[in-house]
Protein backbone atom coordinates (compact mmCIF):
# COMPACT_ATOMS: atom_id res chain seq x y z
CA MET A 1 0.00 0.00 0.00
CA GLN A 2 2.79 2.44 0.86
CA LEU A 3 5.16 1.54 -1.97
CA GLY A 4 2.40 1.39 -4.61
CA PHE A 5 3.81 -1.90 -5.89
CA ILE A 6 6.67 -4.30 -5.27
CA THR A 7 8.70 -5.75 -8.10
CA VAL A 8 9.10 -9.50 -8.12
CA GLU A 9 12.85 -9.06 -7.66
CA GLU A 10 12.30 -6.95 -4.53
CA GLY A 11 9.88 -9.49 -3.12
CA LEU A 12 12.17 -12.46 -3.66
CA ARG A 13 15.20 -10.57 -2.32
CA ASN A 14 13.35 -9.95 0.96
CA ASP A 15 11.83 -13.47 1.22
CA TRP A 16 8.26 -12.16 0.95
CA GLN A 17 7.06 -14.82 -1.50
CA VAL A 18 5.16 -16.84 1.15
CA LEU A 19 3.47 -13.75 2.55
CA PHE A 20 2.51 -12.59 -0.93
CA GLU A 21 0.95 -15.98 -1.76
CA GLU A 22 -1.23 -15.70 1.35
CA LEU A 23 -2.48 -12.32 0.13
CA VAL A 24 -3.12 -13.78 -3.35
CA SER A 25 -5.13 -16.67 -1.93
CA ALA A 26 -7.23 -14.16 0.02
CA ARG A 27 -7.70 -12.21 -3.24
CA ARG A 28 -6.11 -9.14 -1.63
CA ALA A 29 -3.18 -8.98 -4.09
CA CYS A 30 -2.19 -10.07 -7.58
CA VAL A 31 0.63 -9.99 -10.13
CA LEU A 32 0.39 -7.16 -12.66
CA ARG A 33 2.21 -7.62 -15.98
CA PRO A 34 2.51 -4.36 -17.97
CA THR A 35 1.97 -4.62 -21.70
CA GLN A 36 5.26 -4.02 -23.52
CA VAL A 37 5.17 -0.64 -25.31
CA ASP A 38 7.86 0.89 -27.54
CA ASN A 39 10.26 -1.94 -26.66
CA LEU A 40 10.47 -0.67 -23.06
CA PRO A 41 11.61 -3.25 -20.50
CA HIS A 42 8.85 -4.44 -18.21
CA ASN A 43 8.74 -6.21 -14.85
CA ASP A 44 6.00 -8.21 -13.18
CA LEU A 45 4.68 -6.25 -10.20
CA TRP A 46 3.09 -7.38 -6.94
CA VAL A 47 0.08 -5.11 -6.42
CA ALA A 48 -2.40 -4.75 -3.57
CA ALA A 49 -6.07 -4.76 -4.59
CA GLU A 50 -6.52 -1.25 -3.20
CA ARG A 51 -3.77 0.04 -5.51
CA LEU A 52 -5.23 -1.32 -8.73
CA PRO A 53 -7.06 1.89 -9.88
CA PRO A 54 -3.97 4.14 -10.19
CA LEU A 55 -1.84 1.33 -11.67
CA ARG A 56 -4.52 0.59 -14.28
CA ALA A 57 -4.40 4.29 -15.21
CA ILE A 58 -0.66 3.93 -15.80
CA HIS A 59 -0.83 0.52 -17.54
CA GLU A 60 -4.25 0.36 -19.22
CA GLN A 61 -3.65 -3.01 -20.99
CA ALA A 62 -1.91 -4.71 -18.09
CA LEU A 63 -2.68 -8.36 -17.33
CA LEU A 64 -3.66 -9.42 -13.80
CA THR A 65 -2.94 -12.84 -12.29
CA PRO A 66 -5.34 -13.76 -10.73
CA GLN A 67 -8.01 -11.46 -12.07
CA ILE A 68 -9.30 -9.47 -9.07
CA GLU A 69 -11.17 -6.25 -8.52
CA PRO A 70 -10.41 -3.45 -6.06
CA PRO A 71 -12.63 -2.98 -2.99
CA ALA A 72 -15.81 -0.98 -3.70
CA SER A 73 -14.55 2.10 -1.80
CA TYR A 74 -11.49 2.21 -4.12
CA ALA A 75 -13.15 1.11 -7.36
CA SER A 76 -15.00 4.41 -7.74
CA GLU A 77 -11.77 6.44 -7.85
CA THR A 78 -10.82 7.97 -11.20
CA TRP A 79 -7.21 8.66 -12.08
CA SER A 80 -5.43 10.39 -14.89
CA MET A 81 -2.14 8.82 -15.90
CA GLU A 82 -0.13 11.86 -14.70
CA ASP A 83 -1.80 11.97 -11.28
CA ALA A 84 -1.52 8.22 -10.86
CA LEU A 85 2.17 8.27 -11.74
CA VAL A 86 2.82 11.06 -9.24
CA ASP A 87 0.93 9.23 -6.49
CA ILE A 88 2.68 5.89 -7.02
CA LEU A 89 6.06 7.63 -7.39
CA ARG A 90 5.48 9.44 -4.10
CA GLY A 91 5.08 6.11 -2.30
CA ARG A 92 8.13 4.61 -3.98
CA LEU A 93 10.36 7.53 -2.97
CA GLU A 94 9.19 7.27 0.64
CA GLY A 95 10.43 3.68 0.85
CA LEU A 96 13.38 3.31 -1.51
CA GLY A 97 15.70 6.04 -0.29
CA PRO A 98 18.06 7.72 -2.79
CA VAL A 99 17.31 6.31 -6.24
CA THR A 100 18.21 7.25 -9.82
CA VAL A 101 15.77 7.97 -12.63
CA ALA A 102 17.07 4.91 -14.48
CA GLU A 103 16.15 2.66 -11.56
CA LEU A 104 12.68 4.18 -11.33
CA ASP A 105 12.26 3.88 -15.07
CA SER A 106 13.01 0.16 -15.11
CA SER A 107 10.58 -0.64 -12.29
CA PHE A 108 7.69 1.48 -13.62
CA SER A 109 8.04 0.28 -17.23
CA VAL A 110 7.14 3.74 -18.57
CA SER A 111 9.11 6.24 -20.61
CA ARG A 112 11.75 8.37 -18.92
CA GLY A 113 10.05 11.58 -19.98
CA ARG A 114 6.96 10.71 -17.93
CA ILE A 115 9.13 9.88 -14.89
CA ASP A 116 10.98 13.19 -15.22
CA ALA A 117 7.71 15.13 -15.41
CA ALA A 118 6.32 13.39 -12.31
CA LEU A 119 9.55 14.01 -10.36
CA ALA A 120 9.44 17.68 -11.35
CA ARG A 121 5.93 17.93 -9.89
CA LEU A 122 7.04 16.32 -6.64
CA GLU A 123 10.05 18.63 -6.46
CA GLY A 124 7.79 21.64 -7.00
CA GLU A 125 5.61 20.49 -4.10
CA GLY A 126 8.70 20.32 -1.88
CA PHE A 127 8.24 16.57 -1.42
CA ALA A 128 11.29 15.32 -3.32
CA MET A 129 14.87 16.51 -3.68
CA GLN A 130 17.53 15.72 -6.24
CA GLY A 131 21.28 15.67 -5.66
CA SER A 132 24.27 13.44 -4.89
CA PHE A 133 23.43 11.53 -1.72
CA THR A 134 25.39 8.29 -2.08
CA PRO A 135 29.22 8.45 -1.98
CA GLU A 136 31.07 7.49 -5.16
CA ARG A 137 27.89 7.69 -7.24
CA GLU A 138 28.02 10.11 -10.15
CA GLU A 139 24.39 9.93 -11.30
CA THR A 140 21.83 12.37 -9.94
CA GLU A 141 19.62 10.78 -7.28
CA TRP A 142 16.11 11.54 -6.04
CA CYS A 143 14.78 11.08 -2.53
CA SER A 144 11.86 12.06 -0.35
CA ARG A 145 12.78 15.18 1.64
CA ARG A 146 11.48 13.68 4.90
CA LEU A 147 13.30 10.39 4.35
CA LEU A 148 16.49 12.24 3.42
CA ALA A 149 16.29 14.20 6.68
CA ARG A 150 15.94 10.92 8.63
CA ILE A 151 18.88 9.36 6.80
CA HIS A 152 20.96 12.47 7.49
CA SER A 153 20.01 12.40 11.17
CA TYR A 154 20.96 8.73 11.46
CA THR A 155 24.26 9.44 9.73
CA LEU A 156 25.11 12.27 12.14
CA ASN A 157 24.22 10.13 15.13
CA ARG A 158 26.38 7.29 13.84
CA LEU A 159 29.31 9.64 13.24
CA ARG A 160 28.95 11.10 16.72
CA LYS A 161 28.99 7.64 18.31
CA GLU A 162 32.19 6.76 16.46
CA ILE A 163 34.17 9.32 18.51
CA GLU A 164 35.56 8.46 21.93
CA PRO A 165 36.00 11.59 24.10
CA VAL A 166 39.47 12.47 25.36
CA SER A 167 40.42 13.84 28.76
CA ALA A 168 41.03 17.52 29.43
CA ALA A 169 44.79 16.83 29.68
CA ASP A 170 44.81 15.13 26.27
CA PHE A 171 42.87 18.08 24.85
CA ILE A 172 45.56 20.47 26.15
CA ARG A 173 48.22 18.25 24.55
CA PHE A 174 46.24 18.41 21.34
CA LEU A 175 46.14 22.23 21.52
CA PHE A 176 49.93 22.37 21.93
CA VAL A 177 50.23 20.65 18.56
CA TRP A 178 47.26 22.42 16.95
CA GLN A 179 48.59 25.88 17.84
CA LYS A 180 52.26 24.97 17.14
CA VAL A 181 53.40 25.43 20.74
CA ALA A 182 54.94 21.97 21.08
CA PRO A 183 58.69 22.39 20.36
CA GLU A 184 58.70 19.77 17.59
CA HIS A 185 55.79 21.49 15.84
CA GLN A 186 57.03 25.10 15.86
CA VAL A 187 57.07 26.89 12.52
CA GLN A 188 59.66 29.12 10.86
CA GLY A 189 59.85 32.10 8.54
CA PRO A 190 57.83 35.26 7.86
CA GLU A 191 54.92 33.48 6.15
CA SER A 192 54.50 31.34 9.26
CA VAL A 193 53.89 34.51 11.29
CA ALA A 194 50.99 35.36 9.00
CA ALA A 195 49.54 31.85 9.43
CA ILE A 196 49.85 31.96 13.22
CA LEU A 197 48.26 35.39 13.46
CA ASP A 198 45.45 34.26 11.18
CA GLN A 199 44.72 31.45 13.64
CA LEU A 200 44.87 33.85 16.62
CA GLU A 201 42.89 36.61 14.91
CA GLY A 202 40.51 38.32 17.31
CA PHE A 203 42.22 37.04 20.46
CA ASP A 204 42.73 39.69 23.13
CA ALA A 205 46.22 39.54 24.71
CA PRO A 206 48.39 42.04 26.62
CA ALA A 207 50.42 44.20 24.24
CA GLY A 208 53.65 43.24 25.97
CA SER A 209 53.00 39.51 25.52
CA TRP A 210 52.60 39.28 21.76
CA GLU A 211 56.26 39.56 20.75
CA SER A 212 57.88 38.57 24.01
CA GLU A 213 55.88 35.38 24.57
CA ILE A 214 53.00 34.40 22.26
CA LEU A 215 54.70 34.59 18.85
CA PRO A 216 58.15 33.28 19.95
CA ALA A 217 56.37 30.28 21.55
CA ARG A 218 55.11 29.31 18.09
CA VAL A 219 57.64 30.73 15.61
CA ALA A 220 61.26 29.65 15.92
CA ASP A 221 63.80 32.50 15.72
CA TYR A 222 61.04 35.08 15.53
CA ASP A 223 62.06 38.43 14.00
CA PRO A 224 60.02 41.60 14.74
CA ALA A 225 60.66 42.73 11.16
CA TRP A 226 58.31 39.98 9.95
CA LEU A 227 55.38 41.47 11.84
CA ASP A 228 56.26 44.99 10.66
CA ALA A 229 56.25 43.80 7.06
CA LEU A 230 52.75 42.39 7.46
CA CYS A 231 51.48 45.63 9.02
CA LEU A 232 53.16 47.97 6.51
CA SER A 233 51.86 45.92 3.60
CA GLY A 234 48.31 46.53 4.80
CA ARG A 235 47.55 42.88 5.57
CA LEU A 236 47.47 43.27 9.35
CA THR A 237 46.72 45.93 11.90
CA TRP A 238 46.70 46.14 15.68
CA LEU A 239 44.20 47.88 17.95
CA ARG A 240 42.28 47.58 21.15
CA LEU A 241 38.68 46.36 20.84
CA SER A 242 37.75 45.41 24.39
CA PRO A 243 36.40 48.47 26.26
CA PRO A 244 38.70 49.77 29.02
CA ARG A 245 37.45 49.96 32.56
CA LEU A 246 37.37 53.66 33.37
CA SER A 247 35.80 55.62 36.17
CA PRO A 248 33.73 58.62 35.07
CA ASP A 249 35.28 60.78 37.79
CA LYS A 250 38.84 60.17 36.56
CA VAL A 251 40.31 62.49 33.98
CA SER A 252 43.13 60.26 32.77
CA SER A 253 44.40 56.73 32.97
CA SER A 254 47.85 55.70 34.13
CA SER A 255 47.49 52.08 32.99
CA PRO A 256 50.72 50.94 31.30
CA VAL A 257 50.59 50.12 27.61
CA ARG A 258 52.36 46.79 28.27
CA SER A 259 49.26 45.35 29.95
CA THR A 260 46.77 46.90 27.50
CA PRO A 261 44.91 44.09 25.68
CA VAL A 262 45.23 44.39 21.90
CA VAL A 263 44.20 42.22 18.98
CA LEU A 264 46.01 41.60 15.71
CA LEU A 265 43.58 41.48 12.79
CA ASN A 266 43.45 41.17 9.06
CA ARG A 267 42.78 44.78 8.08
CA LYS A 268 39.74 43.88 5.99
CA ASN A 269 38.14 42.16 9.02
CA VAL A 270 38.34 45.09 11.44
CA ARG A 271 34.69 46.04 10.97
CA THR A 272 33.58 42.43 11.54
CA TRP A 273 35.52 42.00 14.77
CA SER A 274 34.48 45.43 16.05
CA LYS A 275 30.89 44.15 16.04
CA ALA A 276 31.90 40.93 17.81
CA PHE A 277 33.40 42.71 20.83
CA PRO A 278 31.38 44.47 23.54
CA ALA A 279 30.35 48.02 22.72
CA PRO A 280 32.35 50.80 24.40
CA ALA A 281 30.97 51.39 27.87
CA GLU A 282 29.47 54.69 28.86
CA SER A 283 32.50 55.33 31.05
CA ASN A 284 34.66 55.37 27.92
CA GLY A 285 33.43 58.89 27.37
CA THR A 286 35.35 60.19 30.40
CA GLN A 287 37.25 63.39 29.95
CA LEU A 288 40.72 63.25 28.39
CA THR A 289 43.70 65.13 29.75
CA THR A 290 44.57 68.39 28.04
CA ASN A 291 47.53 66.96 26.12
CA THR A 292 45.66 63.79 25.15
CA ALA A 293 42.67 65.80 23.96
CA ALA A 294 44.99 68.01 21.87
CA VAL A 295 46.56 64.98 20.16
CA HIS A 296 43.15 63.38 19.61
CA ASP A 297 41.70 66.56 18.13
CA TYR A 298 44.70 66.92 15.82
CA LEU A 299 44.24 63.38 14.48
CA LYS A 300 40.51 63.96 14.12
CA GLU A 301 41.09 67.12 12.09
CA HIS A 302 44.13 66.11 10.02
CA GLY A 303 43.63 62.36 9.70
CA ALA A 304 46.53 59.89 9.72
CA SER A 305 49.69 61.76 10.71
CA PHE A 306 53.35 61.08 11.42
CA PHE A 307 54.71 61.61 14.91
CA VAL A 308 56.73 64.67 13.89
CA ASP A 309 53.62 66.26 12.39
CA ILE A 310 51.65 65.67 15.59
CA VAL A 311 54.43 67.22 17.67
CA ALA A 312 54.60 70.26 15.40
CA GLY A 313 50.83 70.60 15.09
CA THR A 314 50.07 70.41 18.83
CA ASN A 315 53.12 72.42 20.03
CA LEU A 316 53.77 69.74 22.67
CA LEU A 317 57.02 68.13 23.69
CA PRO A 318 57.71 64.72 22.08
CA SER A 319 57.48 63.04 25.49
CA MET A 320 54.05 64.64 26.04
CA VAL A 321 52.78 63.43 22.66
CA GLU A 322 54.20 60.00 23.38
CA GLU A 323 52.36 59.84 26.70
CA ALA A 324 49.14 61.08 25.09
CA LEU A 325 49.34 58.40 22.37
CA GLY A 326 49.86 55.79 25.08
CA GLU A 327 46.63 56.87 26.78
CA LEU A 328 44.74 56.86 23.47
CA VAL A 329 46.02 53.32 22.77
CA PHE A 330 44.83 52.26 26.23
CA ARG A 331 41.38 53.65 25.44
CA GLY A 332 41.28 51.92 22.05
CA MET A 333 41.09 55.21 20.16
CA VAL A 334 44.24 55.13 17.98
CA SER A 335 46.51 52.72 16.11
CA ALA A 336 49.61 53.01 13.91
CA ASP A 337 50.68 51.80 10.49
CA SER A 338 53.27 49.39 11.89
CA PHE A 339 53.80 47.45 15.09
CA THR A 340 56.82 49.65 15.73
CA GLY A 341 54.48 52.29 17.14
CA LEU A 342 53.33 49.87 19.83
CA ARG A 343 56.91 48.77 20.55
CA ALA A 344 57.95 52.38 20.98
CA LEU A 345 55.20 52.80 23.59
CA LEU A 346 56.29 49.60 25.34
CA THR A 347 59.85 50.95 25.67
CA PRO A 348 59.41 54.74 25.41
CA LEU A 349 62.54 56.77 24.82
CA SER A 350 61.09 59.44 27.08
CA LYS A 351 61.90 57.07 29.97
CA THR A 352 65.32 56.11 28.61
CA THR A 353 68.39 58.14 29.46
CA HIS A 354 70.67 59.53 26.77
CA ARG A 355 73.49 57.32 28.09
CA GLU A 356 71.40 54.16 27.65
CA VAL A 357 70.49 55.15 24.09
CA GLU A 358 74.13 55.77 23.17
CA LYS A 359 75.15 52.48 24.82
CA ARG A 360 72.59 50.59 22.73
CA ARG A 361 73.73 52.34 19.58
CA ARG A 362 77.38 51.40 20.21
CA LYS A 363 76.39 47.75 20.70
CA ARG A 364 74.18 47.98 17.59
CA LYS A 365 71.14 46.84 19.55
CA ALA A 366 67.75 47.61 18.10
CA PHE A 367 65.63 50.25 19.70
CA TYR A 368 62.40 51.71 18.45
CA SER A 369 61.36 55.34 18.43
CA MET A 370 58.10 57.06 17.63
CA ASP A 371 59.66 58.50 14.47
CA ASP A 372 59.79 54.97 12.99
CA ALA A 373 56.17 54.13 13.77
CA GLY A 374 54.73 55.43 10.52
CA ARG A 375 51.41 57.25 10.67
CA TRP A 376 49.13 57.35 13.68
CA VAL A 377 45.44 57.13 12.91
CA ARG A 378 42.31 57.73 14.96
CA LEU A 379 40.01 54.70 15.06
CA ARG A 380 36.52 55.58 13.88
CA ARG A 381 34.59 54.17 16.81
CA GLU A 382 33.26 57.45 18.14
CA GLU A 383 30.04 57.05 16.18
CA GLN A 384 29.55 53.70 17.90
CA GLU A 385 30.26 55.30 21.27
CA GLN A 386 27.82 58.11 20.66
CA SER A 387 25.16 55.62 19.59
CA THR A 388 25.79 53.58 22.71
CA LEU A 389 25.46 56.63 24.96
CA GLN A 390 22.27 57.70 23.23
CA ASN A 391 20.77 54.21 23.48
CA ALA A 392 21.71 54.01 27.15
CA ALA A 393 20.02 57.34 27.79
CA ASN A 394 16.89 55.99 26.10
CA GLY A 395 17.01 52.82 28.18
CA ASP A 396 18.17 50.69 25.24
CA ASN A 397 21.18 48.42 25.72
CA ARG A 398 23.14 47.75 22.54
CA ASN A 399 24.52 44.50 23.88
CA ASN A 400 21.00 43.07 23.71
CA GLN A 401 20.67 43.89 20.03
CA PRO A 402 21.25 41.01 17.58
CA ILE A 403 24.65 40.68 15.91
CA ASP A 404 24.89 40.35 12.14
CA ARG A 405 24.66 36.80 10.86
CA ASP A 406 27.85 37.21 8.82
CA VAL A 407 29.73 38.34 11.94
CA ILE A 408 28.51 35.33 13.92
CA GLU A 409 29.55 32.90 11.19
CA ALA A 410 32.97 34.56 10.82
CA VAL A 411 33.58 34.30 14.58
CA ALA A 412 32.33 30.70 14.67
CA ARG A 413 34.73 29.65 11.90
CA LYS A 414 37.64 31.50 13.52
CA LEU A 415 37.06 29.76 16.87
CA LEU A 416 37.13 26.41 15.06
CA GLN A 417 40.38 27.40 13.39
CA ARG A 418 41.85 28.51 16.73
CA TYR A 419 40.90 25.53 18.90
CA GLY A 420 40.00 22.74 16.45
CA VAL A 421 37.28 21.66 18.90
CA VAL A 422 34.73 24.19 20.17
CA PHE A 423 32.27 24.02 23.06
CA ARG A 424 30.60 26.45 25.42
CA LYS A 425 33.29 26.52 28.12
CA LEU A 426 35.99 27.74 25.72
CA LEU A 427 34.18 31.06 25.30
CA ASP A 428 35.25 31.92 28.87
CA ARG A 429 38.76 32.46 27.47
CA GLU A 430 37.56 34.83 24.75
CA SER A 431 36.64 38.53 25.06
CA ILE A 432 33.96 38.52 22.37
CA SER A 433 30.30 39.25 23.13
CA VAL A 434 28.78 36.74 20.68
CA PRO A 435 26.45 34.43 22.66
CA TRP A 436 26.98 30.67 22.48
CA ARG A 437 23.37 30.16 21.40
CA ASP A 438 24.06 32.14 18.21
CA LEU A 439 27.28 30.25 17.52
CA LEU A 440 25.41 26.99 18.12
CA ARG A 441 23.06 27.68 15.23
CA VAL A 442 26.02 28.19 12.90
CA TYR A 443 27.77 25.02 14.07
CA ARG A 444 24.61 22.94 13.64
CA ARG A 445 24.21 24.29 10.13
CA LEU A 446 27.84 23.52 9.27
CA GLU A 447 27.45 20.01 10.67
CA ALA A 448 24.32 19.48 8.57
CA ARG A 449 26.33 20.48 5.49
CA GLY A 450 29.02 17.97 6.38
CA GLU A 451 31.68 20.66 6.85
CA ILE A 452 32.37 19.86 10.51
CA ARG A 453 31.69 17.03 12.97
CA GLY A 454 29.50 17.09 16.04
CA GLY A 455 29.82 14.78 19.03
CA ARG A 456 31.51 14.32 22.39
CA PHE A 457 35.19 15.06 21.81
CA VAL A 458 36.34 16.20 25.26
CA GLY A 459 34.97 14.45 28.32
CA GLY A 460 33.72 16.25 31.41
CA PHE A 461 31.91 19.13 29.70
CA SER A 462 28.19 19.45 29.10
CA GLY A 463 26.55 20.76 25.96
CA GLU A 464 27.21 20.19 22.29
CA GLN A 465 30.72 20.04 20.88
CA PHE A 466 31.95 20.51 17.33
CA ALA A 467 35.26 19.86 15.57
CA THR A 468 36.88 19.93 12.17
CA ALA A 469 37.73 16.64 10.47
CA GLU A 470 41.47 17.39 10.82
CA ALA A 471 41.07 18.01 14.55
CA VAL A 472 39.24 14.69 15.04
CA GLN A 473 42.09 12.78 13.41
CA LEU A 474 44.71 14.61 15.45
CA LEU A 475 42.75 14.04 18.68
CA ARG A 476 42.74 10.30 18.03
CA SER A 477 46.49 10.23 17.45
CA ILE A 478 47.14 12.32 20.59
CA ARG A 479 44.97 9.97 22.68
CA ARG A 480 46.96 6.95 21.48
CA ALA A 481 50.36 8.65 21.92
CA PRO A 482 52.04 7.90 25.28
CA THR A 483 52.88 10.74 27.66
CA GLU A 484 56.53 11.74 27.95
CA SER A 485 56.50 14.02 31.03
CA SER A 486 57.10 16.99 28.72
CA LEU A 487 57.02 20.45 30.32
CA VAL A 488 55.55 23.46 28.50
CA SER A 489 55.88 26.94 30.02
CA LEU A 490 53.59 29.69 28.76
CA ASN A 491 52.74 33.28 29.48
CA ALA A 492 49.39 33.84 31.20
CA GLY A 493 48.28 36.03 28.31
CA ASP A 494 48.62 33.10 25.89
CA PRO A 495 45.40 31.62 24.43
CA LEU A 496 46.40 28.30 26.02
CA ASN A 497 46.11 29.69 29.54
CA LEU A 498 43.14 27.41 30.20
CA ILE A 499 43.55 26.91 33.95
CA GLY A 500 40.12 27.12 35.51
CA VAL A 501 38.53 26.93 32.04
CA ILE A 502 39.40 23.43 30.79
CA THR A 503 41.37 22.17 33.76
CA PRO A 504 40.20 22.30 37.40
CA GLY A 505 41.32 25.01 39.79
CA SER A 506 41.17 28.77 40.02
CA ARG A 507 41.80 30.86 36.94
CA LEU A 508 45.14 32.63 36.38
CA SER A 509 44.93 36.31 35.55
CA PRO A 510 46.17 36.89 31.97
CA ALA A 511 48.66 39.54 33.09
CA ALA A 512 51.86 39.82 31.07
CA SER A 513 53.99 39.05 34.14
CA ASN A 514 52.21 35.81 35.09
CA ARG A 515 53.23 32.38 33.83
CA LEU A 516 52.04 28.79 33.99
CA LEU A 517 53.62 25.38 33.53
CA TYR A 518 52.01 22.27 32.03
CA ARG A 519 53.27 18.71 32.33
CA ASP A 520 51.65 16.41 29.77
CA GLY A 521 48.71 18.79 29.54
CA VAL A 522 48.18 19.08 33.30
CA PRO A 523 48.96 22.43 34.99
CA ILE A 524 51.47 21.86 37.79
CA ALA A 525 52.79 25.35 38.68
CA VAL A 526 52.02 29.03 38.17
CA LEU A 527 53.89 32.27 38.68
CA GLU A 528 51.51 34.97 39.89
CA ALA A 529 52.39 38.29 41.52
CA LYS A 530 56.08 37.19 41.53
CA GLU A 531 55.23 34.13 43.62
CA ILE A 532 55.40 30.50 42.48
CA ARG A 533 52.57 28.15 43.43
CA PHE A 534 52.81 24.43 42.85
CA LEU A 535 49.44 22.92 41.96
CA THR A 536 50.37 19.27 42.55
CA GLU A 537 52.38 17.43 45.16
CA MET A 538 56.00 17.08 44.03
CA SER A 539 59.30 16.04 45.53
CA PRO A 540 61.92 18.76 46.14
CA ALA A 541 63.84 17.61 43.06
CA ASP A 542 60.71 17.79 40.91
CA GLN A 543 59.89 21.21 42.35
CA TRP A 544 63.33 22.45 41.40
CA GLN A 545 62.94 21.12 37.87
CA ALA A 546 59.44 22.61 37.58
CA ARG A 547 60.64 25.97 38.92
CA ASN A 548 63.42 26.16 36.35
CA ALA A 549 61.06 25.16 33.53
CA LEU A 550 58.47 27.69 34.65
CA LEU A 551 60.93 30.59 34.73
CA ARG A 552 62.89 29.61 31.66
CA ARG A 553 61.67 31.06 28.41
CA HIS A 554 63.51 31.69 25.20
CA VAL A 555 63.31 35.26 23.97
CA PRO A 556 64.66 35.82 20.44
CA PRO A 557 67.70 38.14 20.50
CA LYS A 558 66.05 40.80 18.36
CA VAL A 559 63.06 40.90 20.69
CA ARG A 560 65.21 40.82 23.81
CA ALA A 561 67.13 43.85 22.56
CA TYR A 562 64.19 46.23 22.53
CA LEU A 563 62.59 44.74 25.66
CA ASN A 564 65.84 45.37 27.60
CA GLN A 565 66.08 41.70 28.62
CA SER A 566 69.57 40.39 29.01
CA GLY A 567 68.83 36.69 29.44
CA SER A 568 66.39 33.96 28.67
CA THR A 569 64.76 33.70 32.10
CA VAL A 570 62.52 35.95 34.11
CA SER A 571 63.68 37.37 37.41
CA PRO A 572 63.47 34.78 40.21
CA PRO A 573 60.58 35.28 42.61
CA GLN A 574 61.09 36.00 46.25
CA SER A 575 59.06 33.12 47.65
CA LEU A 576 57.72 29.70 46.86
CA SER A 577 54.45 28.14 47.97
CA SER A 578 52.78 24.79 47.52
CA PRO A 579 49.25 23.54 48.10
């Protein structure tokens, strides 16, 4: 009744012959033999008595064995050949799954043109879909939309069950490889810097950590000139997107530039990421100092300007302009053509004596001045700030307004690129304001397309998880690989500072001076406020080894020169503590 008919081959293949003979003896079914027309192949069909009217409309001269009549309630039905073909074809598609026109043609024993016309009607009704549904099959297939959705759902469930979740420690080990932090997986060369920054695009990290810690941890023999080349070519830019915490009653901010969180972005994606971060708070409109306001007004009036032009145009001392630019960077209001401008603020010459400058010149050590920064430009976020203030005055909160769909999808794809595996808890490490519920819709859509995988990849976390196919393969290999007691020391501003996020324990502030130490993906020690804390019980010898690994970090010579660091270790703390 559902399929419309069953071919003899289908019946024998499923061992239904005995059941069919019972129906024949009860005169509830018969064999229908289509009359051969135009040399078309024909098959004997098993037909229920109730289905005889539409099949007789399709095959008017068909022979029935035995000769039976449909029940009275069905005998009065009148069918045109087109309607009958559509009705029977609808039932066949609901039971057969993906099938080609050639297969339908051979079972119906009618011309292909009639089959194509009936399929077109079903497609127009939204009942049937055509496409490539079976792997390694080149012919176009047709399937009921509802049945295709069920098949797709079963496929996703089967794929999800194939994956065995890994532990949090194994996930951290996976991230060391995925983000090129593991020593044997570090990359080299200027193009590698572009690839690493593309993966970390949109991540908020202290300005002083990018070149002293984050990039050298991933790029062997890192050279600051590589980052400058990317910025000067127009591919990358740096700026602050997260709103600073300011008090309305304060006129200025003394926060150091080194701890100011900045992001490195592809220049064409600045507008997208600006929408993904929280809107500037109302307190961001606090009054600027006189010098800072003068520099800001000059940039607003004259546009992008060199440092010497700003000094001449504002009639301020270079050190005053330098300090004003530092405050504007802290507030997220200015940026520069190259990263040199940020380096110059990290090690300002206004705080360096003439003797130190001459000493560095004699030793041919690199130092960066504001004159080499290129042009300084005012970031056009004031319109957003004004809109935020106006909405707040009207009782409307911008953060509750929906974010563009394109922005959400761009952020969702970037998080997948950054972590390989994405779930709700990882958002605690990000500064973006995109809700997980919005990202979830994107990930479900990508999974339905077959672009990513869904399932339980990391154990111990609730909610849905999604991963790329490459990440799933790497996770499996990491799970099978034995641990080697390897120690990895990272800055707290690094994206892999996941203490209290992925691993148990309290979170470590992402300050540029804090550090953490992993052993086989498990955090075992942290350096916070110049004090070392051991997170696991260790022998004195192991504590000594962990302490040395925690404090030891390799700083490339060219970076060490402008950061005024003479060695490869941080200053030893004054005290040690253990749990």
